[in-house]
């Protein structure tokens, strides 16, 4: 399907088209089975969550970093 197939879409402003795309994306995201997540991605998410949980309270926030030391770590 192309925009030219639905003339009403072609008449929308850029902002209206963006809102329409957001609505399309939201409707796709509601059903996880539509876009399957590869096992490798799930494994990576699990690894990152475990890492996050193991360092709770020791997270470095760049917003709190003192830039007077040159901004490096």
C-alpha atoms as a PDB file:
ATOM      1  CA  UNK A   1       0.000   0.000   0.000  1.00  0.00           C
ATOM      2  CA  UNK A   2       1.226   3.468  -0.876  1.00  0.00           C
ATOM      3  CA  UNK A   3       0.146   6.977   0.161  1.00  0.00           C
ATOM      4  CA  UNK A   4      -1.153   7.471  -3.371  1.00  0.00           C
ATOM      5  CA  UNK A   5      -3.636   4.625  -2.720  1.00  0.00           C
ATOM      6  CA  UNK A   6      -5.376   6.774  -0.089  1.00  0.00           C
ATOM      7  CA  UNK A   7      -5.651  10.359  -1.349  1.00  0.00           C
ATOM      8  CA  UNK A   8      -6.854  11.628   2.034  1.00  0.00           C
ATOM      9  CA  UNK A   9      -3.465  10.793   3.547  1.00  0.00           C
ATOM     10  CA  UNK A  10      -1.624  12.769   0.892  1.00  0.00           C
ATOM     11  CA  UNK A  11      -3.665  15.836   1.857  1.00  0.00           C
ATOM     12  CA  UNK A  12      -2.591  15.714   5.519  1.00  0.00           C
ATOM     13  CA  UNK A  13      -0.004  18.113   6.887  1.00  0.00           C
ATOM     14  CA  UNK A  14       3.377  16.743   7.959  1.00  0.00           C
ATOM     15  CA  UNK A  15       2.326  16.993  11.621  1.00  0.00           C
ATOM     16  CA  UNK A  16      -0.904  15.083  10.941  1.00  0.00           C
ATOM     17  CA  UNK A  17       1.036  12.394   9.065  1.00  0.00           C
ATOM     18  CA  UNK A  18       3.416  11.993  12.005  1.00  0.00           C
ATOM     19  CA  UNK A  19       0.472  11.595  14.383  1.00  0.00           C
ATOM     20  CA  UNK A  20      -1.028   9.010  12.043  1.00  0.00           C
ATOM     21  CA  UNK A  21       2.241   7.068  11.924  1.00  0.00           C
ATOM     22  CA  UNK A  22       2.396   7.167  15.743  1.00  0.00           C
ATOM     23  CA  UNK A  23      -1.109   5.707  15.872  1.00  0.00           C
ATOM     24  CA  UNK A  24      -0.116   2.971  13.408  1.00  0.00           C
ATOM     25  CA  UNK A  25       2.986   2.161  15.451  1.00  0.00           C
ATOM     26  CA  UNK A  26       1.020   2.053  18.709  1.00  0.00           C
ATOM     27  CA  UNK A  27      -1.494  -0.349  17.176  1.00  0.00           C
ATOM     28  CA  UNK A  28       1.339  -2.647  16.040  1.00  0.00           C
ATOM     29  CA  UNK A  29       3.082  -2.498  19.415  1.00  0.00           C
ATOM     30  CA  UNK A  30      -0.074  -3.651  21.219  1.00  0.00           C
ATOM     31  CA  UNK A  31       0.308  -7.134  19.775  1.00  0.00           C
ATOM     32  CA  UNK A  32       3.761  -8.576  20.543  1.00  0.00           C
ATOM     33  CA  UNK A  33       3.132 -11.538  18.256  1.00  0.00           C
ATOM     34  CA  UNK A  34       3.076  -9.228  15.211  1.00  0.00           C
ATOM     35  CA  UNK A  35       6.770  -8.401  15.584  1.00  0.00           C
ATOM     36  CA  UNK A  36       8.546 -11.277  17.297  1.00  0.00           C
ATOM     37  CA  UNK A  37      11.576 -10.472  19.450  1.00  0.00           C
ATOM     38  CA  UNK A  38      14.558 -12.696  18.621  1.00  0.00           C
ATOM     39  CA  UNK A  39      15.856 -14.890  21.442  1.00  0.00           C
ATOM     40  CA  UNK A  40      19.231 -13.111  21.269  1.00  0.00           C
ATOM     41  CA  UNK A  41      17.511  -9.788  22.010  1.00  0.00           C
ATOM     42  CA  UNK A  42      15.628 -11.259  24.958  1.00  0.00           C
ATOM     43  CA  UNK A  43      18.887 -12.723  26.281  1.00  0.00           C
ATOM     44  CA  UNK A  44      20.594  -9.337  25.999  1.00  0.00           C
ATOM     45  CA  UNK A  45      17.725  -7.609  27.809  1.00  0.00           C
ATOM     46  CA  UNK A  46      17.917 -10.205  30.579  1.00  0.00           C
ATOM     47  CA  UNK A  47      21.688  -9.689  30.847  1.00  0.00           C
ATOM     48  CA  UNK A  48      21.303  -5.905  31.088  1.00  0.00           C
ATOM     49  CA  UNK A  49      18.524  -6.185  33.678  1.00  0.00           C
ATOM     50  CA  UNK A  50      20.659  -8.515  35.791  1.00  0.00           C
ATOM     51  CA  UNK A  51      23.573  -6.096  35.548  1.00  0.00           C
ATOM     52  CA  UNK A  52      21.338  -3.190  36.540  1.00  0.00           C
ATOM     53  CA  UNK A  53      19.929  -5.078  39.513  1.00  0.00           C
ATOM     54  CA  UNK A  54      23.408  -6.076  40.696  1.00  0.00           C
ATOM     55  CA  UNK A  55      24.644  -2.459  40.887  1.00  0.00           C
ATOM     56  CA  UNK A  56      21.586  -0.775  42.401  1.00  0.00           C
ATOM     57  CA  UNK A  57      22.584   2.284  44.352  1.00  0.00           C
ATOM     58  CA  UNK A  58      25.889   2.532  42.521  1.00  0.00           C
ATOM     59  CA  UNK A  59      24.606   3.909  39.235  1.00  0.00           C
ATOM     60  CA  UNK A  60      26.577   6.837  37.810  1.00  0.00           C
ATOM     61  CA  UNK A  61      24.395   9.582  36.394  1.00  0.00           C
ATOM     62  CA  UNK A  62      26.132  11.785  33.848  1.00  0.00           C
ATOM     63  CA  UNK A  63      23.811  14.651  34.820  1.00  0.00           C
ATOM     64  CA  UNK A  64      25.442  14.650  38.260  1.00  0.00           C
ATOM     65  CA  UNK A  65      28.994  14.495  36.908  1.00  0.00           C
ATOM     66  CA  UNK A  66      31.230  17.454  37.814  1.00  0.00           C
ATOM     67  CA  UNK A  67      32.305  18.892  34.478  1.00  0.00           C
ATOM     68  CA  UNK A  68      35.119  20.870  36.157  1.00  0.00           C
ATOM     69  CA  UNK A  69      37.371  17.839  35.817  1.00  0.00           C
ATOM     70  CA  UNK A  70      37.290  18.009  32.028  1.00  0.00           C
ATOM     71  CA  UNK A  71      34.108  16.020  31.543  1.00  0.00           C
ATOM     72  CA  UNK A  72      35.890  12.667  31.355  1.00  0.00           C
ATOM     73  CA  UNK A  73      35.451   9.665  33.588  1.00  0.00           C
END
